Structures are given as C-alpha cells and as structure tokens.
Amino acid sequence: MKIDDKIRGGLYGLLVGDALGVPYEFHSASEIPPYCEIEMTPPKGFFRAHKAVEPGTWSDDGAQALCLLDSLTSCKKFCLKDFSEKLLAWYQNGIWAVDGVVFDIGVQTAEALNAFQSGFAPEQCGILRPDGKGNGALMRVLPLALWHSGTEQELVEDAHNQCLITHGNKCNQVCCALYCLTARFLLNRMDFEQALFKSIQVLREIYQKMPEYEQELEWRVRPDEPWQGGGSGYVVDCLRSAFMILKRAVNYEEAVKQAIMLGNDTDTTACVTGGLAGILFGFQAIPKRWYDTLKEKEKVEQLLEKGREKCIM
C-alpha cells in the first residue's frame, strides 16, 4: 500500500467516520440501530440527532481537523497562534464547516474560543476549565501525524501544544501524543498491535524526564490494562474505545460501525477510530457509498494537494 493511500485513508477515514456518526449522536448503545442498518441515512423511524443536517456532513470534529491541516500547510510547521485563529474563524465564520454552518460545538471549546477572541493568549484558553478532559483536542489531531516529518519527540511536543487553545489539561495532551505516535507507526506499515506497542514504548521513554506527563499516562490512560471503552466524551474513554475496536476490526467499515454501536458520542468515537482505521486499511477500504455521500470533497482535495506540496518541520 502506497503512503499516499494511507494518508488519504487517514483524512477521509476521519471525515467519513465523523459524518457517519453525526445522526446517531446522543443515543445510548441500546438505541443504536443494528449493525447492518448503520448508514449515512439512518433507518426509517430512527430519531436522528441534528435532523436539519444532511447525510454526509462532517461536524466540528472534521472541521477542526481541516483547520489544523490548513494551518500546518500554510505555516509549514505547527503554529499555535495561527491554528487558534483558524479555529476562531471556523467558530465565527464557518470556515471548513460544510456549507459554512457550525451546528455543533463543545461547551469547553466555545468558552475557550470566546476567551481567545477577547484577548486571552491561546496557552491560557484551554485551562479556563483546568480539569476539562473532553475529547475535543483528540478528535482533530490526526493531520498533525499525517504530515509531520520531525522526530518522535517533536511530534509529541506538537501534539501537546495543539491541545492548549481549548483542552490544556495534561491528560488531553498525553492522549493526543499516544494517538499521533500510533498513527505515525501505522503510516510506517506496522500492524495495529505493533504500532500501539511501539507508541507506548516511545512515549514512556520521552516521559522519563516529564514526571507529570508520565503520571497521566500510567495512572489515567493505563496502557497496561485491557483496552476497553464506552464511547463517551471523556478523552481517555474515547481513546480506549478506539484502540479496543482497532485491535479486533478486520476492515474500515467494521471499525466505524463498531464505534457507533457504542452509542453516546458517536461522531467523535467514529472520527477518532476512523482516522486510524483509514491509515491501517487504506483509502480504498472506505466504502464507496459513504465516500460518494460525503459533502464538499472538492475542498478536501484542494487541501490534500496543498499538503502534498508542503511538509511541516
């Protein structure tokens, strides 16, 4: 599998997973339709979330990920100020949102971006809720791993820093770092078990001199325990849910459908799972019926082309 197929798979895997999960959001696992009926358009009679949103529309997850990729390719490196400005432009003006409409945003993210707009430094905005551990930084971080050409240490540092504008707690930073390293090793053609094992090893080495981060990894993420999750908006549960599914899924469709069947924060769980599944199984593994339904692919293609021309670091 060519690296371009894996990169395209990662970005489209994220966007398709997000869009697929949108109508099922806020439902418990018991309320989710059967596996075979999970599609961009839910079965007749299902009380869909965001009823005014057309099938194939990505949410805040996909829009913020595209903001990150836009910033990376514009600056040729991660720049917190530029990324923060692009997030604010998404929030206020709908850039990278389908049809320019922002229909979903987390409470913590909205508070942080309002603070940034009022003059707070981006490093301050993500700790206005110091214990905030939602998955709002994890859901968007994948483009960093897809286009990062620096060292593993530098990738981890940038994964930490992209959290700061909205989700500055160290727990969020650690989850994003582990996710990015796993994506990097999947791009290097490891299978999922190998990529996750290598990522944990590398992160433990980096965190030897960072005891507060090491504590978050070992005590909260708990990488030595079985990977289990319930599809909630808590960042650790979201990460563990994705890893649980990717350890057993045999293709992209199975991975994102299993994510949605957990219920709760379906769009984000499917987004986080789908991004890694897209790298693992490749772009060609994403079902054509879902890809064809996805909105505004021409905008994504333009950004992909820009990303091919420029590599950060």
C-alpha atoms as a PDB file:
ATOM      1  CA  MET A   1       0.000   0.000   0.000  1.00  0.00           C
ATOM      2  CA  LYS A   2       1.422   3.371  -1.030  1.00  0.00           C
ATOM      3  CA  ILE A   3       1.924   6.035   1.632  1.00  0.00           C
ATOM      4  CA  ASP A   4      -0.428   8.386  -0.247  1.00  0.00           C
ATOM      5  CA  ASP A   5      -3.217   5.803   0.069  1.00  0.00           C
ATOM      6  CA  LYS A   6      -2.620   5.657   3.814  1.00  0.00           C
ATOM      7  CA  ILE A   7      -2.588   9.453   4.194  1.00  0.00           C
ATOM      8  CA  ARG A   8      -5.774   9.835   2.135  1.00  0.00           C
ATOM      9  CA  GLY A   9      -7.252   6.962   4.094  1.00  0.00           C
ATOM     10  CA  GLY A  10      -6.473   8.691   7.364  1.00  0.00           C
ATOM     11  CA  LEU A  11      -8.005  12.039   6.425  1.00  0.00           C
ATOM     12  CA  TYR A  12     -11.055  10.638   4.676  1.00  0.00           C
ATOM     13  CA  GLY A  13     -11.370   7.929   7.308  1.00  0.00           C
ATOM     14  CA  LEU A  14     -11.698  10.678   9.919  1.00  0.00           C
ATOM     15  CA  LEU A  15     -14.231  12.701   7.897  1.00  0.00           C
ATOM     16  CA  VAL A  16     -16.361   9.740   6.847  1.00  0.00           C
ATOM     17  CA  GLY A  17     -16.412   8.312  10.375  1.00  0.00           C
ATOM     18  CA  ASP A  18     -17.441  11.695  11.748  1.00  0.00           C
ATOM     19  CA  ALA A  19     -20.219  12.162   9.167  1.00  0.00           C
ATOM     20  CA  LEU A  20     -21.461   8.611   9.632  1.00  0.00           C
ATOM     21  CA  GLY A  21     -21.719   9.124  13.384  1.00  0.00           C
ATOM     22  CA  VAL A  22     -23.490  12.504  13.326  1.00  0.00           C
ATOM     23  CA  PRO A  23     -27.123  11.286  13.168  1.00  0.00           C
ATOM     24  CA  TYR A  24     -26.595   8.721  15.936  1.00  0.00           C
ATOM     25  CA  GLU A  25     -25.123  11.134  18.495  1.00  0.00           C
ATOM     26  CA  PHE A  26     -26.696  11.377  21.982  1.00  0.00           C
ATOM     27  CA  HIS A  27     -28.226   7.883  21.798  1.00  0.00           C
ATOM     28  CA  SER A  28     -27.358   5.076  24.181  1.00  0.00           C
ATOM     29  CA  ALA A  29     -25.960   1.826  22.813  1.00  0.00           C
ATOM     30  CA  SER A  30     -29.353   0.153  23.260  1.00  0.00           C
ATOM     31  CA  GLU A  31     -30.945   2.778  20.982  1.00  0.00           C
ATOM     32  CA  ILE A  32     -28.499   2.407  18.080  1.00  0.00           C
ATOM     33  CA  PRO A  33     -29.864   0.505  15.056  1.00  0.00           C
ATOM     34  CA  PRO A  34     -28.497  -2.974  14.259  1.00  0.00           C
ATOM     35  CA  TYR A  35     -25.040  -3.193  12.692  1.00  0.00           C
ATOM     36  CA  CYS A  36     -26.366  -3.834   9.175  1.00  0.00           C
ATOM     37  CA  GLU A  37     -28.619  -0.752   9.303  1.00  0.00           C
ATOM     38  CA  ILE A  38     -25.976   1.810  10.297  1.00  0.00           C
ATOM     39  CA  GLU A  39     -25.611   4.075   7.272  1.00  0.00           C
ATOM     40  CA  MET A  40     -25.250   7.781   6.478  1.00  0.00           C
ATOM     41  CA  THR A  41     -29.064   7.883   6.379  1.00  0.00           C
ATOM     42  CA  PRO A  42     -30.417   6.051   9.448  1.00  0.00           C
ATOM     43  CA  PRO A  43     -33.290   3.575   9.073  1.00  0.00           C
ATOM     44  CA  LYS A  44     -36.843   4.901   8.895  1.00  0.00           C
ATOM     45  CA  GLY A  45     -38.263   5.720  12.304  1.00  0.00           C
ATOM     46  CA  PHE A  46     -34.913   6.373  13.988  1.00  0.00           C
ATOM     47  CA  PHE A  47     -34.918   9.680  15.887  1.00  0.00           C
ATOM     48  CA  ARG A  48     -31.771  11.173  14.406  1.00  0.00           C
ATOM     49  CA  ALA A  49     -29.655  13.843  16.053  1.00  0.00           C
ATOM     50  CA  HIS A  50     -29.204  17.125  14.149  1.00  0.00           C
ATOM     51  CA  LYS A  51     -32.241  16.473  11.970  1.00  0.00           C
ATOM     52  CA  ALA A  52     -31.589  19.516   9.764  1.00  0.00           C
ATOM     53  CA  VAL A  53     -28.096  18.283   8.836  1.00  0.00           C
ATOM     54  CA  GLU A  54     -27.888  16.442   5.520  1.00  0.00           C
ATOM     55  CA  PRO A  55     -26.291  12.970   5.336  1.00  0.00           C
ATOM     56  CA  GLY A  56     -22.564  13.082   4.612  1.00  0.00           C
ATOM     57  CA  THR A  57     -21.924  16.234   6.646  1.00  0.00           C
ATOM     58  CA  TRP A  58     -18.935  16.253   8.972  1.00  0.00           C
ATOM     59  CA  SER A  59     -19.270  18.014  12.307  1.00  0.00           C
ATOM     60  CA  ASP A  60     -16.980  20.160  14.449  1.00  0.00           C
ATOM     61  CA  ASP A  61     -14.588  17.198  14.603  1.00  0.00           C
ATOM     62  CA  GLY A  62     -13.856  17.183  10.877  1.00  0.00           C
ATOM     63  CA  ALA A  63     -13.929  20.959  10.533  1.00  0.00           C
ATOM     64  CA  GLN A  64     -11.347  21.453  13.290  1.00  0.00           C
ATOM     65  CA  ALA A  65      -9.131  18.740  11.803  1.00  0.00           C
ATOM     66  CA  LEU A  66      -9.221  20.564   8.472  1.00  0.00           C
ATOM     67  CA  CYS A  67      -8.397  23.817  10.276  1.00  0.00           C
ATOM     68  CA  LEU A  68      -5.324  22.094  11.690  1.00  0.00           C
ATOM     69  CA  LEU A  69      -4.254  20.780   8.292  1.00  0.00           C
ATOM     70  CA  ASP A  70      -4.853  24.199   6.733  1.00  0.00           C
ATOM     71  CA  SER A  71      -2.655  25.787   9.398  1.00  0.00           C
ATOM     72  CA  LEU A  72       0.083  23.169   9.055  1.00  0.00           C
ATOM     73  CA  THR A  73       0.349  23.533   5.299  1.00  0.00           C
ATOM     74  CA  SER A  74       0.202  27.334   5.450  1.00  0.00           C
ATOM     75  CA  CYS A  75       2.876  27.714   8.132  1.00  0.00           C
ATOM     76  CA  LYS A  76       4.959  24.628   7.184  1.00  0.00           C
ATOM     77  CA  LYS A  77       5.088  23.838  10.898  1.00  0.00           C
ATOM     78  CA  PHE A  78       2.719  23.795  13.845  1.00  0.00           C
ATOM     79  CA  CYS A  79       1.946  27.356  14.953  1.00  0.00           C
ATOM     80  CA  LEU A  80      -0.399  27.653  17.923  1.00  0.00           C
ATOM     81  CA  LYS A  81      -1.393  31.245  17.158  1.00  0.00           C
ATOM     82  CA  ASP A  82      -2.257  30.542  13.526  1.00  0.00           C
ATOM     83  CA  PHE A  83      -4.132  27.353  14.429  1.00  0.00           C
ATOM     84  CA  SER A  84      -6.062  29.216  17.126  1.00  0.00           C
ATOM     85  CA  GLU A  85      -7.004  31.912  14.635  1.00  0.00           C
ATOM     86  CA  LYS A  86      -8.279  29.318  12.190  1.00  0.00           C
ATOM     87  CA  LEU A  87     -10.367  27.665  14.901  1.00  0.00           C
ATOM     88  CA  LEU A  88     -11.840  31.049  15.743  1.00  0.00           C
ATOM     89  CA  ALA A  89     -12.601  31.655  12.056  1.00  0.00           C
ATOM     90  CA  TRP A  90     -14.386  28.280  11.977  1.00  0.00           C
ATOM     91  CA  TYR A  91     -16.398  29.153  15.080  1.00  0.00           C
ATOM     92  CA  GLN A  92     -17.362  32.642  13.928  1.00  0.00           C
ATOM     93  CA  ASN A  93     -17.477  32.298  10.136  1.00  0.00           C
ATOM     94  CA  GLY A  94     -17.770  28.578   9.421  1.00  0.00           C
ATOM     95  CA  ILE A  95     -14.513  28.022   7.532  1.00  0.00           C
ATOM     96  CA  TRP A  96     -14.066  24.305   6.818  1.00  0.00           C
ATOM     97  CA  ALA A  97     -17.608  23.612   8.025  1.00  0.00           C
ATOM     98  CA  VAL A  98     -19.887  22.095   5.386  1.00  0.00           C
ATOM     99  CA  ASP A  99     -21.913  24.933   3.803  1.00  0.00           C
ATOM    100  CA  GLY A 100     -20.245  27.244   6.332  1.00  0.00           C
ATOM    101  CA  VAL A 101     -22.658  26.090   9.064  1.00  0.00           C
ATOM    102  CA  VAL A 102     -21.390  25.310  12.576  1.00  0.00           C
ATOM    103  CA  PHE A 103     -24.098  23.117  14.080  1.00  0.00           C
ATOM    104  CA  ASP A 104     -22.207  21.529  16.956  1.00  0.00           C
ATOM    105  CA  ILE A 105     -19.538  22.758  19.358  1.00  0.00           C
ATOM    106  CA  GLY A 106     -18.452  21.611  22.796  1.00  0.00           C
ATOM    107  CA  VAL A 107     -19.051  23.894  25.759  1.00  0.00           C
ATOM    108  CA  GLN A 108     -15.374  23.982  26.704  1.00  0.00           C
ATOM    109  CA  THR A 109     -14.312  24.737  23.139  1.00  0.00           C
ATOM    110  CA  ALA A 110     -16.806  27.584  22.834  1.00  0.00           C
ATOM    111  CA  GLU A 111     -15.658  29.113  26.124  1.00  0.00           C
ATOM    112  CA  ALA A 112     -12.010  28.851  25.108  1.00  0.00           C
ATOM    113  CA  LEU A 113     -12.528  30.423  21.682  1.00  0.00           C
ATOM    114  CA  ASN A 114     -14.609  33.220  23.166  1.00  0.00           C
ATOM    115  CA  ALA A 115     -11.730  33.909  25.564  1.00  0.00           C
ATOM    116  CA  PHE A 116      -9.242  33.894  22.690  1.00  0.00           C
ATOM    117  CA  GLN A 117     -11.414  36.344  20.759  1.00  0.00           C
ATOM    118  CA  SER A 118     -11.494  38.637  23.786  1.00  0.00           C
ATOM    119  CA  GLY A 119      -7.706  38.768  24.011  1.00  0.00           C
ATOM    120  CA  PHE A 120      -6.567  35.798  26.111  1.00  0.00           C
ATOM    121  CA  ALA A 121      -3.345  34.099  24.995  1.00  0.00           C
ATOM    122  CA  PRO A 122      -4.062  30.696  23.415  1.00  0.00           C
ATOM    123  CA  GLU A 123      -1.998  28.948  26.103  1.00  0.00           C
ATOM    124  CA  GLN A 124      -4.432  30.307  28.720  1.00  0.00           C
ATOM    125  CA  CYS A 125      -7.680  29.484  26.936  1.00  0.00           C
ATOM    126  CA  GLY A 126      -7.528  25.715  27.274  1.00  0.00           C
ATOM    127  CA  ILE A 127      -7.084  25.805  31.045  1.00  0.00           C
ATOM    128  CA  LEU A 128     -10.012  28.080  31.876  1.00  0.00           C
ATOM    129  CA  ARG A 129     -11.571  24.757  32.854  1.00  0.00           C
ATOM    130  CA  PRO A 130      -8.416  23.235  34.373  1.00  0.00           C
ATOM    131  CA  ASP A 131      -9.981  19.800  34.877  1.00  0.00           C
ATOM    132  CA  GLY A 132     -11.604  19.697  31.437  1.00  0.00           C
ATOM    133  CA  LYS A 133     -10.918  16.288  29.883  1.00  0.00           C
ATOM    134  CA  GLY A 134     -13.249  16.159  26.925  1.00  0.00           C
ATOM    135  CA  ASN A 135     -12.168  14.664  23.605  1.00  0.00           C
ATOM    136  CA  GLY A 136     -12.222  17.967  21.697  1.00  0.00           C
ATOM    137  CA  ALA A 137      -8.470  18.052  21.025  1.00  0.00           C
ATOM    138  CA  LEU A 138      -8.140  14.334  20.292  1.00  0.00           C
ATOM    139  CA  MET A 139     -10.810  14.398  17.589  1.00  0.00           C
ATOM    140  CA  ARG A 140      -8.850  16.880  15.416  1.00  0.00           C
ATOM    141  CA  VAL A 141      -5.198  15.967  15.957  1.00  0.00           C
ATOM    142  CA  LEU A 142      -4.668  13.328  13.236  1.00  0.00           C
ATOM    143  CA  PRO A 143      -3.482  15.708  10.448  1.00  0.00           C
ATOM    144  CA  LEU A 144      -0.509  16.534  12.649  1.00  0.00           C
ATOM    145  CA  ALA A 145       0.666  12.920  12.468  1.00  0.00           C
ATOM    146  CA  LEU A 146      -0.151  12.587   8.764  1.00  0.00           C
ATOM    147  CA  TRP A 147       2.074  15.492   7.689  1.00  0.00           C
ATOM    148  CA  HIS A 148       4.727  15.683  10.418  1.00  0.00           C
ATOM    149  CA  SER A 149       8.298  14.954   9.302  1.00  0.00           C
ATOM    150  CA  GLY A 150      10.057  15.773  12.582  1.00  0.00           C
ATOM    151  CA  THR A 151      11.360  13.461  15.270  1.00  0.00           C
ATOM    152  CA  GLU A 152       9.119  11.489  17.586  1.00  0.00           C
ATOM    153  CA  GLN A 153       9.971  13.940  20.368  1.00  0.00           C
ATOM    154  CA  GLU A 154       8.931  16.873  18.176  1.00  0.00           C
ATOM    155  CA  LEU A 155       5.710  15.133  17.159  1.00  0.00           C
ATOM    156  CA  VAL A 156       4.836  14.574  20.813  1.00  0.00           C
ATOM    157  CA  GLU A 157       5.563  18.204  21.684  1.00  0.00           C
ATOM    158  CA  ASP A 158       3.360  19.455  18.854  1.00  0.00           C
ATOM    159  CA  ALA A 159       0.602  17.023  19.838  1.00  0.00           C
ATOM    160  CA  HIS A 160       0.747  18.520  23.327  1.00  0.00           C
ATOM    161  CA  ASN A 161       0.726  22.084  22.036  1.00  0.00           C
ATOM    162  CA  GLN A 162      -2.241  21.738  19.686  1.00  0.00           C
ATOM    163  CA  CYS A 163      -4.378  20.955  22.746  1.00  0.00           C
ATOM    164  CA  LEU A 164      -3.599  24.226  24.502  1.00  0.00           C
ATOM    165  CA  ILE A 165      -6.099  26.513  22.801  1.00  0.00           C
ATOM    166  CA  THR A 166      -9.138  24.505  24.002  1.00  0.00           C
ATOM    167  CA  HIS A 167      -8.132  21.481  26.122  1.00  0.00           C
ATOM    168  CA  GLY A 168      -4.946  22.252  28.021  1.00  0.00           C
ATOM    169  CA  ASN A 169      -5.119  19.589  30.730  1.00  0.00           C
ATOM    170  CA  LYS A 170      -2.116  17.247  30.572  1.00  0.00           C
ATOM    171  CA  CYS A 171      -4.400  14.236  30.272  1.00  0.00           C
ATOM    172  CA  ASN A 172      -5.618  15.538  26.913  1.00  0.00           C
ATOM    173  CA  GLN A 173      -2.052  16.187  25.802  1.00  0.00           C
ATOM    174  CA  VAL A 174      -0.944  12.649  26.650  1.00  0.00           C
ATOM    175  CA  CYS A 175      -3.884  11.088  24.812  1.00  0.00           C
ATOM    176  CA  CYS A 176      -3.123  13.142  21.701  1.00  0.00           C
ATOM    177  CA  ALA A 177       0.568  12.225  21.856  1.00  0.00           C
ATOM    178  CA  LEU A 178      -0.155   8.491  22.096  1.00  0.00           C
ATOM    179  CA  TYR A 179      -2.673   8.726  19.263  1.00  0.00           C
ATOM    180  CA  CYS A 180      -0.244  10.610  16.993  1.00  0.00           C
ATOM    181  CA  LEU A 181       2.590   8.173  17.610  1.00  0.00           C
ATOM    182  CA  THR A 182       0.282   5.255  16.830  1.00  0.00           C
ATOM    183  CA  ALA A 183      -0.745   6.950  13.586  1.00  0.00           C
ATOM    184  CA  ARG A 184       2.906   7.517  12.669  1.00  0.00           C
ATOM    185  CA  PHE A 185       3.799   3.858  13.119  1.00  0.00           C
ATOM    186  CA  LEU A 186       0.730   2.766  11.160  1.00  0.00           C
ATOM    187  CA  LEU A 187       1.966   5.005   8.340  1.00  0.00           C
ATOM    188  CA  ASN A 188       5.261   3.103   8.609  1.00  0.00           C
ATOM    189  CA  ARG A 189       3.305  -0.057   7.708  1.00  0.00           C
ATOM    190  CA  MET A 190       3.183  -1.651  11.153  1.00  0.00           C
ATOM    191  CA  ASP A 191       0.033  -3.538  12.053  1.00  0.00           C
ATOM    192  CA  PHE A 192      -2.086  -2.075  14.815  1.00  0.00           C
ATOM    193  CA  GLU A 193      -0.699  -4.202  17.658  1.00  0.00           C
ATOM    194  CA  GLN A 194       2.874  -3.353  16.667  1.00  0.00           C
ATOM    195  CA  ALA A 195       2.106   0.355  16.239  1.00  0.00           C
ATOM    196  CA  LEU A 196       0.423   0.658  19.624  1.00  0.00           C
ATOM    197  CA  PHE A 197       3.138  -1.296  21.424  1.00  0.00           C
ATOM    198  CA  LYS A 198       5.870   0.836  19.830  1.00  0.00           C
ATOM    199  CA  SER A 199       3.981   4.052  20.650  1.00  0.00           C
ATOM    200  CA  ILE A 200       3.718   3.177  24.326  1.00  0.00           C
ATOM    201  CA  GLN A 201       7.432   2.330  24.439  1.00  0.00           C
ATOM    202  CA  VAL A 202       8.436   5.609  22.795  1.00  0.00           C
ATOM    203  CA  LEU A 203       6.123   7.709  24.941  1.00  0.00           C
ATOM    204  CA  ARG A 204       7.434   6.104  28.116  1.00  0.00           C
ATOM    205  CA  GLU A 205      10.984   6.944  27.065  1.00  0.00           C
ATOM    206  CA  ILE A 206      10.065  10.565  26.328  1.00  0.00           C
ATOM    207  CA  TYR A 207       8.163  10.931  29.585  1.00  0.00           C
ATOM    208  CA  GLN A 208      11.017   9.677  31.759  1.00  0.00           C
ATOM    209  CA  LYS A 209      12.051  13.309  32.172  1.00  0.00           C
ATOM    210  CA  MET A 210       8.448  14.573  32.364  1.00  0.00           C
ATOM    211  CA  PRO A 211       7.009  13.054  35.575  1.00  0.00           C
ATOM    212  CA  GLU A 212       3.637  14.819  35.424  1.00  0.00           C
ATOM    213  CA  TYR A 213       3.028  13.506  31.917  1.00  0.00           C
ATOM    214  CA  GLU A 214       4.305  10.072  32.895  1.00  0.00           C
ATOM    215  CA  GLN A 215       1.788  10.010  35.731  1.00  0.00           C
ATOM    216  CA  GLU A 216      -1.072  10.814  33.366  1.00  0.00           C
ATOM    217  CA  LEU A 217      -0.001   8.059  31.003  1.00  0.00           C
ATOM    218  CA  GLU A 218       0.406   5.365  33.641  1.00  0.00           C
ATOM    219  CA  TRP A 219      -2.372   6.258  36.071  1.00  0.00           C
ATOM    220  CA  ARG A 220      -5.084   7.653  33.831  1.00  0.00           C
ATOM    221  CA  VAL A 221      -4.591   6.228  30.328  1.00  0.00           C
ATOM    222  CA  ARG A 222      -3.407   2.908  31.842  1.00  0.00           C
ATOM    223  CA  PRO A 223      -1.676   1.367  28.816  1.00  0.00           C
ATOM    224  CA  ASP A 224      -1.003  -1.951  30.561  1.00  0.00           C
ATOM    225  CA  GLU A 225      -4.698  -2.631  31.181  1.00  0.00           C
ATOM    226  CA  PRO A 226      -7.016  -4.205  28.559  1.00  0.00           C
ATOM    227  CA  TRP A 227      -8.230  -1.573  26.121  1.00  0.00           C
ATOM    228  CA  GLN A 228     -11.926  -1.079  26.842  1.00  0.00           C
ATOM    229  CA  GLY A 229     -14.204   1.916  26.377  1.00  0.00           C
ATOM    230  CA  GLY A 230     -17.811   3.004  26.286  1.00  0.00           C
ATOM    231  CA  GLY A 231     -17.838   5.670  23.572  1.00  0.00           C
ATOM    232  CA  SER A 232     -18.216   8.645  25.896  1.00  0.00           C
ATOM    233  CA  GLY A 233     -16.877  12.180  25.509  1.00  0.00           C
ATOM    234  CA  TYR A 234     -14.180  11.666  28.172  1.00  0.00           C
ATOM    235  CA  VAL A 235     -10.869  11.797  26.327  1.00  0.00           C
ATOM    236  CA  VAL A 236      -9.389   8.660  27.910  1.00  0.00           C
ATOM    237  CA  ASP A 237     -12.556   6.659  27.258  1.00  0.00           C
ATOM    238  CA  CYS A 238     -12.657   7.898  23.662  1.00  0.00           C
ATOM    239  CA  LEU A 239      -9.041   6.847  23.083  1.00  0.00           C
ATOM    240  CA  ARG A 240      -9.502   3.494  24.788  1.00  0.00           C
ATOM    241  CA  SER A 241     -12.693   2.864  22.800  1.00  0.00           C
ATOM    242  CA  ALA A 242     -10.869   3.446  19.523  1.00  0.00           C
ATOM    243  CA  PHE A 243      -7.956   1.214  20.498  1.00  0.00           C
ATOM    244  CA  MET A 244     -10.326  -1.523  21.705  1.00  0.00           C
ATOM    245  CA  ILE A 245     -12.077  -1.555  18.334  1.00  0.00           C
ATOM    246  CA  LEU A 246      -8.910  -1.370  16.227  1.00  0.00           C
ATOM    247  CA  LYS A 247      -7.446  -4.388  17.992  1.00  0.00           C
ATOM    248  CA  ARG A 248     -10.283  -6.532  16.633  1.00  0.00           C
ATOM    249  CA  ALA A 249     -11.682  -4.857  13.487  1.00  0.00           C
ATOM    250  CA  VAL A 250     -10.863  -6.533  10.181  1.00  0.00           C
ATOM    251  CA  ASN A 251     -11.781  -3.623   7.885  1.00  0.00           C
ATOM    252  CA  TYR A 252     -12.700   0.064   7.887  1.00  0.00           C
ATOM    253  CA  GLU A 253     -16.460  -0.425   7.778  1.00  0.00           C
ATOM    254  CA  GLU A 254     -16.420  -2.757  10.763  1.00  0.00           C
ATOM    255  CA  ALA A 255     -14.272  -0.335  12.759  1.00  0.00           C
ATOM    256  CA  VAL A 256     -16.518   2.718  12.382  1.00  0.00           C
ATOM    257  CA  LYS A 257     -19.750   0.784  12.767  1.00  0.00           C
ATOM    258  CA  GLN A 258     -18.475  -0.749  15.993  1.00  0.00           C
ATOM    259  CA  ALA A 259     -17.599   2.755  17.190  1.00  0.00           C
ATOM    260  CA  ILE A 260     -21.145   3.944  16.534  1.00  0.00           C
ATOM    261  CA  MET A 261     -22.664   0.903  18.193  1.00  0.00           C
ATOM    262  CA  LEU A 262     -21.132   2.058  21.484  1.00  0.00           C
ATOM    263  CA  GLY A 263     -23.596   4.951  21.398  1.00  0.00           C
ATOM    264  CA  ASN A 264     -23.101   8.258  23.213  1.00  0.00           C
ATOM    265  CA  ASP A 265     -20.511  10.457  21.423  1.00  0.00           C
ATOM    266  CA  THR A 266     -20.867   8.530  18.177  1.00  0.00           C
ATOM    267  CA  ASP A 267     -19.472  11.089  15.750  1.00  0.00           C
ATOM    268  CA  THR A 268     -16.264  11.614  17.694  1.00  0.00           C
ATOM    269  CA  THR A 269     -15.682   7.951  18.544  1.00  0.00           C
ATOM    270  CA  ALA A 270     -16.152   7.058  14.865  1.00  0.00           C
ATOM    271  CA  CYS A 271     -13.952  10.001  13.824  1.00  0.00           C
ATOM    272  CA  VAL A 272     -11.078   9.027  16.140  1.00  0.00           C
ATOM    273  CA  THR A 273     -11.432   5.338  15.255  1.00  0.00           C
ATOM    274  CA  GLY A 274     -11.973   6.014  11.558  1.00  0.00           C
ATOM    275  CA  GLY A 275      -8.838   8.107  11.179  1.00  0.00           C
ATOM    276  CA  LEU A 276      -6.577   5.298  12.351  1.00  0.00           C
ATOM    277  CA  ALA A 277      -8.637   2.668  10.515  1.00  0.00           C
ATOM    278  CA  GLY A 278      -8.240   4.666   7.322  1.00  0.00           C
ATOM    279  CA  ILE A 279      -4.460   4.563   7.702  1.00  0.00           C
ATOM    280  CA  LEU A 280      -4.459   0.893   8.645  1.00  0.00           C
ATOM    281  CA  PHE A 281      -6.713  -0.342   5.830  1.00  0.00           C
ATOM    282  CA  GLY A 282      -6.113   2.421   3.284  1.00  0.00           C
ATOM    283  CA  PHE A 283      -8.308   4.822   1.349  1.00  0.00           C
ATOM    284  CA  GLN A 284      -9.565   2.087  -0.975  1.00  0.00           C
ATOM    285  CA  ALA A 285     -11.091   0.269   2.012  1.00  0.00           C
ATOM    286  CA  ILE A 286     -13.527   3.113   2.755  1.00  0.00           C
ATOM    287  CA  PRO A 287     -16.914   2.052   1.330  1.00  0.00           C
ATOM    288  CA  LYS A 288     -17.616   3.910  -1.885  1.00  0.00           C
ATOM    289  CA  ARG A 289     -21.244   4.571  -0.919  1.00  0.00           C
ATOM    290  CA  TRP A 290     -20.045   6.540   2.120  1.00  0.00           C
ATOM    291  CA  TYR A 291     -17.322   8.372   0.237  1.00  0.00           C
ATOM    292  CA  ASP A 292     -19.787   9.337  -2.501  1.00  0.00           C
ATOM    293  CA  THR A 293     -22.213  10.730   0.102  1.00  0.00           C
ATOM    294  CA  LEU A 294     -19.555  12.846   1.844  1.00  0.00           C
ATOM    295  CA  LYS A 295     -20.095  16.558   1.248  1.00  0.00           C
ATOM    296  CA  GLU A 296     -17.616  19.068  -0.183  1.00  0.00           C
ATOM    297  CA  LYS A 297     -14.911  16.606  -1.183  1.00  0.00           C
ATOM    298  CA  GLU A 298     -13.521  19.158  -3.623  1.00  0.00           C
ATOM    299  CA  LYS A 299     -12.443  21.332  -0.684  1.00  0.00           C
ATOM    300  CA  VAL A 300     -10.745  18.351   0.939  1.00  0.00           C
ATOM    301  CA  GLU A 301      -8.960  17.520  -2.321  1.00  0.00           C
ATOM    302  CA  GLN A 302      -7.618  21.059  -2.596  1.00  0.00           C
ATOM    303  CA  LEU A 303      -6.243  20.824   0.925  1.00  0.00           C
ATOM    304  CA  LEU A 304      -4.767  17.391   0.247  1.00  0.00           C
ATOM    305  CA  GLU A 305      -2.990  18.759  -2.812  1.00  0.00           C
ATOM    306  CA  LYS A 306      -1.634  21.632  -0.763  1.00  0.00           C
ATOM    307  CA  GLY A 307      -0.462  19.110   1.834  1.00  0.00           C
ATOM    308  CA  ARG A 308       1.400  17.096  -0.801  1.00  0.00           C
ATOM    309  CA  GLU A 309       3.340  20.170  -1.831  1.00  0.00           C
ATOM    310  CA  LYS A 310       4.350  21.186   1.672  1.00  0.00           C
ATOM    311  CA  CYS A 311       5.642  19.156   4.573  1.00  0.00           C
ATOM    312  CA  ILE A 312       5.962  20.658   8.034  1.00  0.00           C
ATOM    313  CA  MET A 313       9.125  20.653  10.131  1.00  0.00           C
END
